[in-house]
PDB file of N, CA and C in Angstrom:
ATOM      1  N   MET A   1      35.902 132.165  70.969  1.00  0.00           N
ATOM      2  CA  MET A   1      34.929 132.590  71.764  1.00  0.00           C
ATOM      3  C   MET A   1      35.004 131.542  73.082  1.00  0.00           C
ATOM      4  N   ALA A   2      35.406 131.965  74.278  1.00  0.00           N
ATOM      5  CA  ALA A   2      35.867 131.198  75.361  1.00  0.00           C
ATOM      6  C   ALA A   2      34.642 130.944  76.076  1.00  0.00           C
ATOM      7  N   VAL A   3      34.497 129.659  76.536  1.00  0.00           N
ATOM      8  CA  VAL A   3      33.228 129.433  77.311  1.00  0.00           C
ATOM      9  C   VAL A   3      33.670 129.136  78.859  1.00  0.00           C
ATOM     10  N   ASN A   4      32.928 129.605  79.713  1.00  0.00           N
ATOM     11  CA  ASN A   4      33.467 129.592  81.314  1.00  0.00           C
ATOM     12  C   ASN A   4      32.279 128.528  81.806  1.00  0.00           C
ATOM     13  N   TYR A   5      33.059 127.249  81.823  1.00  0.00           N
ATOM     14  CA  TYR A   5      32.150 126.019  82.502  1.00  0.00           C
ATOM     15  C   TYR A   5      32.289 126.099  83.677  1.00  0.00           C
ATOM     16  N   GLY A   6      33.174 126.811  84.702  1.00  0.00           N
ATOM     17  CA  GLY A   6      33.308 126.744  86.049  1.00  0.00           C
ATOM     18  C   GLY A   6      32.258 127.367  87.045  1.00  0.00           C
ATOM     19  N   SER A   7      31.535 128.341  86.276  1.00  0.00           N
ATOM     20  CA  SER A   7      30.606 129.259  86.862  1.00  0.00           C
ATOM     21  C   SER A   7      29.188 128.430  87.138  1.00  0.00           C
ATOM     22  N   LYS A   8      29.018 127.534  86.170  1.00  0.00           N
ATOM     23  CA  LYS A   8      27.521 127.060  85.852  1.00  0.00           C
ATOM     24  C   LYS A   8      27.495 125.369  85.674  1.00  0.00           C
ATOM     25  N   ARG A   9      28.242 124.939  86.740  1.00  0.00           N
ATOM     26  CA  ARG A   9      28.457 123.505  86.857  1.00  0.00           C
ATOM     27  C   ARG A   9      27.156 122.843  87.338  1.00  0.00           C
ATOM     28  N   ALA A  10      26.440 122.071  86.777  1.00  0.00           N
ATOM     29  CA  ALA A  10      25.253 121.435  87.343  1.00  0.00           C
ATOM     30  C   ALA A  10      25.697 120.108  87.987  1.00  0.00           C
ATOM     31  N   VAL A  11      25.208 120.030  89.266  1.00  0.00           N
ATOM     32  CA  VAL A  11      25.393 119.028  90.024  1.00  0.00           C
ATOM     33  C   VAL A  11      24.313 117.771  89.550  1.00  0.00           C
ATOM     34  N   VAL A  12      24.860 116.555  89.431  1.00  0.00           N
ATOM     35  CA  VAL A  12      24.030 115.618  89.149  1.00  0.00           C
ATOM     36  C   VAL A  12      24.233 114.547  89.779  1.00  0.00           C
ATOM     37  N   GLY A  13      23.267 113.590  90.156  1.00  0.00           N
ATOM     38  CA  GLY A  13      23.552 112.422  90.710  1.00  0.00           C
ATOM     39  C   GLY A  13      24.322 112.344  92.188  1.00  0.00           C
ATOM     40  N   ALA A  14      25.130 111.181  92.134  1.00  0.00           N
ATOM     41  CA  ALA A  14      25.860 111.240  93.417  1.00  0.00           C
ATOM     42  C   ALA A  14      27.092 111.845  93.027  1.00  0.00           C
ATOM     43  N   HIS A  15      27.689 112.462  93.892  1.00  0.00           N
ATOM     44  CA  HIS A  15      29.034 113.132  93.833  1.00  0.00           C
ATOM     45  C   HIS A  15      30.055 112.463  94.850  1.00  0.00           C
ATOM     46  N   TYR A  16      30.026 111.105  95.149  1.00  0.00           N
ATOM     47  CA  TYR A  16      30.841 110.289  96.045  1.00  0.00           C
ATOM     48  C   TYR A  16      32.180 110.205  95.402  1.00  0.00           C
ATOM     49  N   GLY A  17      32.136 109.709  94.120  1.00  0.00           N
ATOM     50  CA  GLY A  17      33.197 109.486  93.014  1.00  0.00           C
ATOM     51  C   GLY A  17      34.413 108.841  93.955  1.00  0.00           C
ATOM     52  N   LEU A  18      35.490 109.570  94.149  1.00  0.00           N
ATOM     53  CA  LEU A  18      36.660 109.483  94.233  1.00  0.00           C
ATOM     54  C   LEU A  18      36.797 108.866  95.895  1.00  0.00           C
ATOM     55  N   ARG A  19      36.133 109.631  96.588  1.00  0.00           N
ATOM     56  CA  ARG A  19      36.190 109.077  98.111  1.00  0.00           C
ATOM     57  C   ARG A  19      35.518 107.717  98.347  1.00  0.00           C
ATOM     58  N   ASP A  20      34.619 107.313  97.557  1.00  0.00           N
ATOM     59  CA  ASP A  20      33.958 105.933  97.681  1.00  0.00           C
ATOM     60  C   ASP A  20      34.928 105.105  96.887  1.00  0.00           C
ATOM     61  N   PHE A  21      35.466 105.363  95.802  1.00  0.00           N
ATOM     62  CA  PHE A  21      36.464 104.312  95.000  1.00  0.00           C
ATOM     63  C   PHE A  21      37.603 104.014  96.101  1.00  0.00           C
ATOM     64  N   LEU A  22      38.119 104.980  96.825  1.00  0.00           N
ATOM     65  CA  LEU A  22      39.164 104.858  97.910  1.00  0.00           C
ATOM     66  C   LEU A  22      38.727 103.939  98.945  1.00  0.00           C
ATOM     67  N   ALA A  23      37.520 104.338  99.357  1.00  0.00           N
ATOM     68  CA  ALA A  23      36.879 103.501 100.586  1.00  0.00           C
ATOM     69  C   ALA A  23      36.866 102.146 100.014  1.00  0.00           C
ATOM     70  N   GLN A  24      36.325 101.755  98.848  1.00  0.00           N
ATOM     71  CA  GLN A  24      36.030 100.594  98.324  1.00  0.00           C
ATOM     72  C   GLN A  24      37.424  99.869  98.399  1.00  0.00           C
ATOM     73  N   ARG A  25      38.448 100.482  97.854  1.00  0.00           N
ATOM     74  CA  ARG A  25      39.857  99.701  97.753  1.00  0.00           C
ATOM     75  C   ARG A  25      40.421  99.640  99.171  1.00  0.00           C
ATOM     76  N   ALA A  26      40.153 100.621  99.996  1.00  0.00           N
ATOM     77  CA  ALA A  26      40.831 100.483 101.329  1.00  0.00           C
ATOM     78  C   ALA A  26      40.216  99.236 102.268  1.00  0.00           C
ATOM     79  N   THR A  27      38.808  99.027 102.378  1.00  0.00           N
ATOM     80  CA  THR A  27      38.294  98.056 102.822  1.00  0.00           C
ATOM     81  C   THR A  27      38.332  96.517 102.124  1.00  0.00           C
ATOM     82  N   ALA A  28      38.632  96.748 100.879  1.00  0.00           N
ATOM     83  CA  ALA A  28      39.165  95.495 100.196  1.00  0.00           C
ATOM     84  C   ALA A  28      40.305  95.043 100.715  1.00  0.00           C
ATOM     85  N   CYS A  29      41.538  96.100 100.746  1.00  0.00           N
ATOM     86  CA  CYS A  29      42.621  95.822 101.207  1.00  0.00           C
ATOM     87  C   CYS A  29      42.744  95.363 102.911  1.00  0.00           C
ATOM     88  N   LEU A  30      41.773  95.638 103.660  1.00  0.00           N
ATOM     89  CA  LEU A  30      41.509  95.355 105.132  1.00  0.00           C
ATOM     90  C   LEU A  30      41.071  93.790 105.062  1.00  0.00           C
ATOM     91  N   MET A  31      40.186  93.386 103.950  1.00  0.00           N
ATOM     92  CA  MET A  31      39.459  92.081 103.967  1.00  0.00           C
ATOM     93  C   MET A  31      40.738  91.157 103.542  1.00  0.00           C
ATOM     94  N   ALA A  32      41.530  91.663 102.631  1.00  0.00           N
ATOM     95  CA  ALA A  32      42.577  90.815 102.160  1.00  0.00           C
ATOM     96  C   ALA A  32      43.794  90.644 103.312  1.00  0.00           C
ATOM     97  N   LEU A  33      43.843  91.628 104.265  1.00  0.00           N
ATOM     98  CA  LEU A  33      45.109  91.387 105.165  1.00  0.00           C
ATOM     99  C   LEU A  33      44.500  90.613 106.212  1.00  0.00           C
ATOM    100  N   PHE A  34      43.138  90.543 106.593  1.00  0.00           N
ATOM    101  CA  PHE A  34      42.549  89.682 107.566  1.00  0.00           C
ATOM    102  C   PHE A  34      42.501  88.346 106.966  1.00  0.00           C
ATOM    103  N   THR A  35      42.450  88.012 105.621  1.00  0.00           N
ATOM    104  CA  THR A  35      42.432  86.694 105.273  1.00  0.00           C
ATOM    105  C   THR A  35      43.653  86.305 105.560  1.00  0.00           C
ATOM    106  N   ILE A  36      44.723  86.948 104.826  1.00  0.00           N
ATOM    107  CA  ILE A  36      46.150  86.574 105.078  1.00  0.00           C
ATOM    108  C   ILE A  36      46.498  86.146 106.696  1.00  0.00           C
ATOM    109  N   VAL A  37      46.204  87.098 107.379  1.00  0.00           N
ATOM    110  CA  VAL A  37      46.417  86.860 109.062  1.00  0.00           C
ATOM    111  C   VAL A  37      45.481  85.411 109.177  1.00  0.00           C
ATOM    112  N   LEU A  38      44.381  85.335 109.064  1.00  0.00           N
ATOM    113  CA  LEU A  38      43.738  83.948 109.514  1.00  0.00           C
ATOM    114  C   LEU A  38      44.102  83.019 108.844  1.00  0.00           C
ATOM    115  N   LEU A  39      44.503  82.887 107.735  1.00  0.00           N
ATOM    116  CA  LEU A  39      45.275  81.950 107.025  1.00  0.00           C
ATOM    117  C   LEU A  39      46.465  81.261 107.633  1.00  0.00           C
ATOM    118  N   ALA A  40      47.274  82.484 107.839  1.00  0.00           N
ATOM    119  CA  ALA A  40      48.642  81.922 108.666  1.00  0.00           C
ATOM    120  C   ALA A  40      48.284  81.450 109.928  1.00  0.00           C
ATOM    121  N   GLN A  41      47.117  82.008 110.920  1.00  0.00           N
ATOM    122  CA  GLN A  41      47.086  81.325 112.091  1.00  0.00           C
ATOM    123  C   GLN A  41      46.546  79.921 111.961  1.00  0.00           C
ATOM    124  N   VAL A  42      45.675  79.626 110.673  1.00  0.00           N
ATOM    125  CA  VAL A  42      45.224  78.200 110.574  1.00  0.00           C
ATOM    126  C   VAL A  42      46.330  77.296 110.022  1.00  0.00           C
ATOM    127  N   ILE A  43      47.020  77.786 109.265  1.00  0.00           N
ATOM    128  CA  ILE A  43      48.322  77.124 108.792  1.00  0.00           C
ATOM    129  C   ILE A  43      49.342  76.605 109.769  1.00  0.00           C
ATOM    130  N   PHE A  44      49.685  77.781 110.541  1.00  0.00           N
ATOM    131  CA  PHE A  44      50.751  77.409 111.559  1.00  0.00           C
ATOM    132  C   PHE A  44      50.172  76.882 112.836  1.00  0.00           C
ATOM    133  N   SER A  45      48.922  76.612 113.019  1.00  0.00           N
ATOM    134  CA  SER A  45      48.164  75.972 114.230  1.00  0.00           C
ATOM    135  C   SER A  45      48.662  74.456 114.249  1.00  0.00           C
ATOM    136  N   THR A  46      48.745  73.961 115.448  1.00  0.00           N
ATOM    137  CA  THR A  46      49.265  72.610 115.539  1.00  0.00           C
ATOM    138  C   THR A  46      47.889  71.676 116.037  1.00  0.00           C
ATOM    139  N   GLY A  47      47.814  70.549 115.635  1.00  0.00           N
ATOM    140  CA  GLY A  47      46.745  69.561 115.590  1.00  0.00           C
ATOM    141  C   GLY A  47      45.789  69.922 114.955  1.00  0.00           C
ATOM    142  N   PRO A  48      44.675  69.243 114.962  1.00  0.00           N
ATOM    143  CA  PRO A  48      43.502  69.204 114.091  1.00  0.00           C
ATOM    144  C   PRO A  48      42.735  70.625 114.354  1.00  0.00           C
ATOM    145  N   ILE A  49      42.076  71.165 113.093  1.00  0.00           N
ATOM    146  CA  ILE A  49      41.341  72.310 113.292  1.00  0.00           C
ATOM    147  C   ILE A  49      40.004  71.912 113.736  1.00  0.00           C
ATOM    148  N   GLY A  50      39.546  72.350 115.014  1.00  0.00           N
ATOM    149  CA  GLY A  50      38.202  72.182 115.397  1.00  0.00           C
ATOM    150  C   GLY A  50      37.842  73.418 116.236  1.00  0.00           C
ATOM    151  N   TYR A  51      36.853  73.268 116.985  1.00  0.00           N
ATOM    152  CA  TYR A  51      36.425  74.439 117.882  1.00  0.00           C
ATOM    153  C   TYR A  51      37.228  74.969 118.796  1.00  0.00           C
ATOM    154  N   ASP A  52      38.201  74.360 119.393  1.00  0.00           N
ATOM    155  CA  ASP A  52      39.269  74.372 120.143  1.00  0.00           C
ATOM    156  C   ASP A  52      40.165  75.627 119.526  1.00  0.00           C
ATOM    157  N   THR A  53      40.637  75.209 118.211  1.00  0.00           N
ATOM    158  CA  THR A  53      41.802  75.921 117.574  1.00  0.00           C
ATOM    159  C   THR A  53      41.087  77.304 116.961  1.00  0.00           C
ATOM    160  N   TRP A  54      39.765  77.166 116.646  1.00  0.00           N
ATOM    161  CA  TRP A  54      39.039  78.408 116.192  1.00  0.00           C
ATOM    162  C   TRP A  54      38.871  79.500 117.561  1.00  0.00           C
ATOM    163  N   ALA A  55      38.509  78.650 118.588  1.00  0.00           N
ATOM    164  CA  ALA A  55      38.185  79.704 119.890  1.00  0.00           C
ATOM    165  C   ALA A  55      39.647  80.263 120.257  1.00  0.00           C
ATOM    166  N   GLY A  56      40.656  79.212 120.003  1.00  0.00           N
ATOM    167  CA  GLY A  56      41.994  79.970 120.387  1.00  0.00           C
ATOM    168  C   GLY A  56      42.467  81.035 119.428  1.00  0.00           C
ATOM    169  N   ILE A  57      42.013  80.913 118.421  1.00  0.00           N
ATOM    170  CA  ILE A  57      42.737  81.914 117.387  1.00  0.00           C
ATOM    171  C   ILE A  57      41.831  83.270 117.762  1.00  0.00           C
ATOM    172  N   PHE A  58      40.572  83.198 117.942  1.00  0.00           N
ATOM    173  CA  PHE A  58      39.693  84.387 118.459  1.00  0.00           C
ATOM    174  C   PHE A  58      39.740  84.648 119.908  1.00  0.00           C
ATOM    175  N   SER A  59      40.614  84.294 120.590  1.00  0.00           N
ATOM    176  CA  SER A  59      40.538  84.532 122.003  1.00  0.00           C
ATOM    177  C   SER A  59      41.634  85.642 122.462  1.00  0.00           C
ATOM    178  N   ALA A  60      42.365  85.906 121.557  1.00  0.00           N
ATOM    179  CA  ALA A  60      43.561  86.956 121.447  1.00  0.00           C
ATOM    180  C   ALA A  60      42.700  88.344 121.136  1.00  0.00           C
ATOM    181  N   GLN A  61      42.892  89.360 122.161  1.00  0.00           N
ATOM    182  CA  GLN A  61      42.242  90.684 121.852  1.00  0.00           C
ATOM    183  C   GLN A  61      42.402  91.269 120.666  1.00  0.00           C
ATOM    184  N   TRP A  62      43.807  91.389 120.159  1.00  0.00           N
ATOM    185  CA  TRP A  62      44.156  91.812 118.799  1.00  0.00           C
ATOM    186  C   TRP A  62      43.422  91.159 117.674  1.00  0.00           C
ATOM    187  N   MET A  63      43.043  89.932 117.912  1.00  0.00           N
ATOM    188  CA  MET A  63      42.557  89.277 116.758  1.00  0.00           C
ATOM    189  C   MET A  63      40.918  89.759 116.723  1.00  0.00           C
ATOM    190  N   ARG A  64      40.345  89.678 117.957  1.00  0.00           N
ATOM    191  CA  ARG A  64      38.975  90.315 118.280  1.00  0.00           C
ATOM    192  C   ARG A  64      38.914  91.693 117.473  1.00  0.00           C
ATOM    193  N   ALA A  65      39.865  92.397 117.870  1.00  0.00           N
ATOM    194  CA  ALA A  65      39.919  93.973 117.365  1.00  0.00           C
ATOM    195  C   ALA A  65      39.973  93.838 115.827  1.00  0.00           C
ATOM    196  N   LEU A  66      40.887  93.174 115.391  1.00  0.00           N
ATOM    197  CA  LEU A  66      40.794  93.127 113.791  1.00  0.00           C
ATOM    198  C   LEU A  66      39.701  92.500 113.048  1.00  0.00           C
ATOM    199  N   THR A  67      39.134  91.482 113.645  1.00  0.00           N
ATOM    200  CA  THR A  67      38.064  90.673 112.947  1.00  0.00           C
ATOM    201  C   THR A  67      36.783  91.764 113.164  1.00  0.00           C
ATOM    202  N   PHE A  68      36.694  92.697 114.461  1.00  0.00           N
ATOM    203  CA  PHE A  68      35.469  93.595 114.232  1.00  0.00           C
ATOM    204  C   PHE A  68      35.921  94.626 113.532  1.00  0.00           C
ATOM    205  N   ALA A  69      37.267  95.097 113.246  1.00  0.00           N
ATOM    206  CA  ALA A  69      37.746  95.943 112.026  1.00  0.00           C
ATOM    207  C   ALA A  69      37.211  95.554 110.761  1.00  0.00           C
ATOM    208  N   LEU A  70      37.531  94.348 110.541  1.00  0.00           N
ATOM    209  CA  LEU A  70      36.888  93.699 109.330  1.00  0.00           C
ATOM    210  C   LEU A  70      35.545  93.934 109.044  1.00  0.00           C
ATOM    211  N   ILE A  71      34.854  93.517 110.259  1.00  0.00           N
ATOM    212  CA  ILE A  71      33.248  93.577 109.927  1.00  0.00           C
ATOM    213  C   ILE A  71      32.787  95.063 109.701  1.00  0.00           C
ATOM    214  N   VAL A  72      33.279  96.071 110.374  1.00  0.00           N
ATOM    215  CA  VAL A  72      33.003  97.521 109.920  1.00  0.00           C
ATOM    216  C   VAL A  72      33.481  97.815 108.627  1.00  0.00           C
ATOM    217  N   GLY A  73      34.620  97.370 108.282  1.00  0.00           N
ATOM    218  CA  GLY A  73      35.145  97.505 106.938  1.00  0.00           C
ATOM    219  C   GLY A  73      34.115  96.954 105.898  1.00  0.00           C
ATOM    220  N   LEU A  74      33.633  95.562 106.274  1.00  0.00           N
ATOM    221  CA  LEU A  74      32.769  94.953 105.182  1.00  0.00           C
ATOM    222  C   LEU A  74      31.619  95.505 105.120  1.00  0.00           C
ATOM    223  N   ALA A  75      31.165  95.914 106.367  1.00  0.00           N
ATOM    224  CA  ALA A  75      29.832  96.849 106.133  1.00  0.00           C
ATOM    225  C   ALA A  75      29.647  97.924 105.621  1.00  0.00           C
ATOM    226  N   TRP A  76      30.905  98.775 105.625  1.00  0.00           N
ATOM    227  CA  TRP A  76      31.047  99.893 104.767  1.00  0.00           C
ATOM    228  C   TRP A  76      31.205  99.328 103.429  1.00  0.00           C
ATOM    229  N   HIS A  77      31.917  98.697 102.965  1.00  0.00           N
ATOM    230  CA  HIS A  77      32.130  98.244 101.671  1.00  0.00           C
ATOM    231  C   HIS A  77      30.694  97.689 101.060  1.00  0.00           C
ATOM    232  N   ALA A  78      29.904  97.125 101.749  1.00  0.00           N
ATOM    233  CA  ALA A  78      28.608  96.789 101.321  1.00  0.00           C
ATOM    234  C   ALA A  78      27.787  97.726 101.187  1.00  0.00           C
ATOM    235  N   TRP A  79      27.638  98.674 102.108  1.00  0.00           N
ATOM    236  CA  TRP A  79      26.927 100.088 102.067  1.00  0.00           C
ATOM    237  C   TRP A  79      27.084 100.759 100.901  1.00  0.00           C
ATOM    238  N   ILE A  80      28.353 100.811 100.397  1.00  0.00           N
ATOM    239  CA  ILE A  80      28.701 101.641  99.160  1.00  0.00           C
ATOM    240  C   ILE A  80      28.255 100.919  97.917  1.00  0.00           C
ATOM    241  N   GLY A  81      28.300  99.838  97.918  1.00  0.00           N
ATOM    242  CA  GLY A  81      27.967  98.654  96.658  1.00  0.00           C
ATOM    243  C   GLY A  81      26.396  98.827  96.672  1.00  0.00           C
ATOM    244  N   MET A  82      25.857  98.669  97.915  1.00  0.00           N
ATOM    245  CA  MET A  82      24.536  98.572  97.957  1.00  0.00           C
ATOM    246  C   MET A  82      23.612  99.887  97.756  1.00  0.00           C
ATOM    247  N   ARG A  83      24.339 100.919  97.941  1.00  0.00           N
ATOM    248  CA  ARG A  83      23.811 102.284  97.914  1.00  0.00           C
ATOM    249  C   ARG A  83      23.819 102.662  96.456  1.00  0.00           C
ATOM    250  N   ASP A  84      24.876 102.037  95.869  1.00  0.00           N
ATOM    251  CA  ASP A  84      25.207 102.468  94.374  1.00  0.00           C
ATOM    252  C   ASP A  84      24.251 101.841  93.527  1.00  0.00           C
ATOM    253  N   ILE A  85      23.974 100.371  93.830  1.00  0.00           N
ATOM    254  CA  ILE A  85      22.862  99.597  93.175  1.00  0.00           C
ATOM    255  C   ILE A  85      21.500 100.120  93.310  1.00  0.00           C
ATOM    256  N   TRP A  86      21.070 100.633  94.463  1.00  0.00           N
ATOM    257  CA  TRP A  86      19.800 101.405  94.625  1.00  0.00           C
ATOM    258  C   TRP A  86      19.951 102.601  93.820  1.00  0.00           C
ATOM    259  N   MET A  87      20.976 103.374  93.885  1.00  0.00           N
ATOM    260  CA  MET A  87      20.747 104.573  93.143  1.00  0.00           C
ATOM    261  C   MET A  87      20.754 104.378  91.731  1.00  0.00           C
ATOM    262  N   ASP A  88      21.451 103.441  91.041  1.00  0.00           N
ATOM    263  CA  ASP A  88      21.282 103.226  89.774  1.00  0.00           C
ATOM    264  C   ASP A  88      19.949 102.599  89.282  1.00  0.00           C
ATOM    265  N   TYR A  89      19.472 101.691  90.117  1.00  0.00           N
ATOM    266  CA  TYR A  89      18.431 100.929  89.479  1.00  0.00           C
ATOM    267  C   TYR A  89      17.120 101.088  90.033  1.00  0.00           C
ATOM    268  N   VAL A  90      16.850 101.919  91.292  1.00  0.00           N
ATOM    269  CA  VAL A  90      15.561 102.143  91.762  1.00  0.00           C
ATOM    270  C   VAL A  90      15.493 103.629  91.670  1.00  0.00           C
ATOM    271  N   LYS A  91      14.560 103.909  90.853  1.00  0.00           N
ATOM    272  CA  LYS A  91      13.966 105.368  90.544  1.00  0.00           C
ATOM    273  C   LYS A  91      13.279 105.941  91.392  1.00  0.00           C
ATOM    274  N   PRO A  92      12.137 105.323  91.757  1.00  0.00           N
ATOM    275  CA  PRO A  92      11.193 106.230  92.700  1.00  0.00           C
ATOM    276  C   PRO A  92      11.878 106.499  93.946  1.00  0.00           C
ATOM    277  N   VAL A  93      11.930 107.634  94.483  1.00  0.00           N
ATOM    278  CA  VAL A  93      12.628 108.026  95.480  1.00  0.00           C
ATOM    279  C   VAL A  93      12.259 107.450  96.721  1.00  0.00           C
ATOM    280  N   GLY A  94      10.909 107.302  97.038  1.00  0.00           N
ATOM    281  CA  GLY A  94      10.423 106.552  98.170  1.00  0.00           C
ATOM    282  C   GLY A  94      10.879 105.190  98.341  1.00  0.00           C
ATOM    283  N   TRP A  95      10.892 104.327  97.427  1.00  0.00           N
ATOM    284  CA  TRP A  95      11.418 103.119  97.466  1.00  0.00           C
ATOM    285  C   TRP A  95      12.845 103.008  97.690  1.00  0.00           C
ATOM    286  N   ARG A  96      13.535 103.885  96.940  1.00  0.00           N
ATOM    287  CA  ARG A  96      15.019 104.057  97.202  1.00  0.00           C
ATOM    288  C   ARG A  96      15.361 104.374  98.813  1.00  0.00           C
ATOM    289  N   LEU A  97      14.626 105.103  99.348  1.00  0.00           N
ATOM    290  CA  LEU A  97      14.868 105.420 100.764  1.00  0.00           C
ATOM    291  C   LEU A  97      14.412 104.405 101.671  1.00  0.00           C
ATOM    292  N   ALA A  98      13.472 103.712 101.407  1.00  0.00           N
ATOM    293  CA  ALA A  98      13.244 102.722 102.122  1.00  0.00           C
ATOM    294  C   ALA A  98      14.124 101.508 102.021  1.00  0.00           C
ATOM    295  N   LEU A  99      14.748 101.379 100.703  1.00  0.00           N
ATOM    296  CA  LEU A  99      15.923 100.154 100.554  1.00  0.00           C
ATOM    297  C   LEU A  99      17.178 100.772 101.286  1.00  0.00           C
ATOM    298  N   TYR A 100      17.364 102.115 101.252  1.00  0.00           N
ATOM    299  CA  TYR A 100      18.621 102.795 102.077  1.00  0.00           C
ATOM    300  C   TYR A 100      18.680 102.272 103.538  1.00  0.00           C
ATOM    301  N   THR A 101      17.207 102.529 104.040  1.00  0.00           N
ATOM    302  CA  THR A 101      16.847 102.252 105.489  1.00  0.00           C
ATOM    303  C   THR A 101      17.148 100.763 105.742  1.00  0.00           C
ATOM    304  N   LEU A 102      16.445  99.999 105.148  1.00  0.00           N
ATOM    305  CA  LEU A 102      16.633  98.638 105.385  1.00  0.00           C
ATOM    306  C   LEU A 102      17.958  98.019 105.443  1.00  0.00           C
ATOM    307  N   THR A 103      18.771  98.462 104.157  1.00  0.00           N
ATOM    308  CA  THR A 103      20.288  98.180 104.081  1.00  0.00           C
ATOM    309  C   THR A 103      21.020  98.879 105.354  1.00  0.00           C
ATOM    310  N   ILE A 104      20.692  99.992 105.815  1.00  0.00           N
ATOM    311  CA  ILE A 104      21.587 100.174 106.903  1.00  0.00           C
ATOM    312  C   ILE A 104      21.060  99.517 108.225  1.00  0.00           C
ATOM    313  N   VAL A 105      19.678  99.464 108.469  1.00  0.00           N
ATOM    314  CA  VAL A 105      19.275  98.586 109.553  1.00  0.00           C
ATOM    315  C   VAL A 105      20.115  97.220 109.512  1.00  0.00           C
ATOM    316  N   TRP A 106      19.950  96.487 108.488  1.00  0.00           N
ATOM    317  CA  TRP A 106      20.575  95.237 108.323  1.00  0.00           C
ATOM    318  C   TRP A 106      21.879  95.246 108.676  1.00  0.00           C
ATOM    319  N   LEU A 107      22.848  96.050 107.850  1.00  0.00           N
ATOM    320  CA  LEU A 107      24.419  96.089 108.021  1.00  0.00           C
ATOM    321  C   LEU A 107      24.612  96.478 109.594  1.00  0.00           C
ATOM    322  N   VAL A 108      23.874  97.352 110.243  1.00  0.00           N
ATOM    323  CA  VAL A 108      24.090  97.664 111.764  1.00  0.00           C
ATOM    324  C   VAL A 108      23.727  96.722 112.551  1.00  0.00           C
ATOM    325  N   GLY A 109      22.765  95.968 112.279  1.00  0.00           N
ATOM    326  CA  GLY A 109      22.520  94.776 113.045  1.00  0.00           C
ATOM    327  C   GLY A 109      23.454  93.506 112.869  1.00  0.00           C
ATOM    328  N   CYS A 110      23.972  93.520 111.812  1.00  0.00           N
ATOM    329  CA  CYS A 110      24.905  92.474 111.485  1.00  0.00           C
ATOM    330  C   CYS A 110      26.223  92.820 112.268  1.00  0.00           C
ATOM    331  N   ALA A 111      26.568  94.117 112.328  1.00  0.00           N
ATOM    332  CA  ALA A 111      27.893  94.474 112.818  1.00  0.00           C
ATOM    333  C   ALA A 111      27.621  94.414 114.383  1.00  0.00           C
ATOM    334  N   GLY A 112      26.369  94.744 114.826  1.00  0.00           N
ATOM    335  CA  GLY A 112      26.063  94.547 116.538  1.00  0.00           C
ATOM    336  C   GLY A 112      26.065  92.944 116.898  1.00  0.00           C
ATOM    337  N   TRP A 113      25.764  92.270 115.893  1.00  0.00           N
ATOM    338  CA  TRP A 113      25.657  90.625 116.216  1.00  0.00           C
ATOM    339  C   TRP A 113      27.217  90.192 116.182  1.00  0.00           C
ATOM    340  N   ALA A 114      27.975  90.827 115.392  1.00  0.00           N
ATOM    341  CA  ALA A 114      29.177  90.325 115.334  1.00  0.00           C
ATOM    342  C   ALA A 114      30.031  90.705 116.566  1.00  0.00           C
ATOM    343  N   PHE A 115      29.584  92.000 116.975  1.00  0.00           N
ATOM    344  CA  PHE A 115      30.386  92.419 118.292  1.00  0.00           C
ATOM    345  C   PHE A 115      29.809  91.561 119.459  1.00  0.00           C
ATOM    346  N   GLN A 116      28.664  91.235 119.484  1.00  0.00           N
ATOM    347  CA  GLN A 116      28.034  90.354 120.380  1.00  0.00           C
ATOM    348  C   GLN A 116      28.902  88.907 120.389  1.00  0.00           C
ATOM    349  N   VAL A 117      28.975  88.508 119.375  1.00  0.00           N
ATOM    350  CA  VAL A 117      29.621  87.041 119.334  1.00  0.00           C
ATOM    351  C   VAL A 117      31.293  87.120 119.560  1.00  0.00           C
ATOM    352  N   LEU A 118      31.795  88.179 119.135  1.00  0.00           N
ATOM    353  CA  LEU A 118      33.289  88.254 119.356  1.00  0.00           C
ATOM    354  C   LEU A 118      33.448  88.664 120.953  1.00  0.00           C
ATOM    355  N   TRP A 119      32.721  89.329 121.530  1.00  0.00           N
ATOM    356  CA  TRP A 119      32.934  89.562 122.990  1.00  0.00           C
ATOM    357  C   TRP A 119      31.811  88.839 123.862  1.00  0.00           C
ATOM    358  N   ARG A 120      31.043  88.102 123.323  1.00  0.00           N
ATOM    359  CA  ARG A 120      30.328  87.402 124.081  1.00  0.00           C
ATOM    360  C   ARG A 120      29.401  88.168 125.168  1.00  0.00           C
ATOM    361  N   LEU A 121      28.784  89.334 124.702  1.00  0.00           N
ATOM    362  CA  LEU A 121      28.053  90.156 125.519  1.00  0.00           C
ATOM    363  C   LEU A 121      26.600  89.585 125.954  1.00  0.00           C
TER     364      LEU A 121
END
């Protein structure tokens, strides 16, 4: 007797799966690339490492853009991780929604602050 599982599939929990797995890996690769670029900038800089050196590294527009891409990627990476933690360990829906909201507000605030620091608005 054949059983047809395709017609009555139950949708349970989060259905993010592969998309979030790939997003976590892609943002981790972005963070690794940024770390390599930043280390290369520091290693190949001349003179002592001080404020002027750091300001010089981040004065280039491409470095600011890469840094902001890192911040956005880091926020996305953190959102996926925190959302999964809230989903797994906070059972009351109201609390979970409140924690989701606080997490999003915090991450957007941090990204906005980083944008302000990078472009000195």
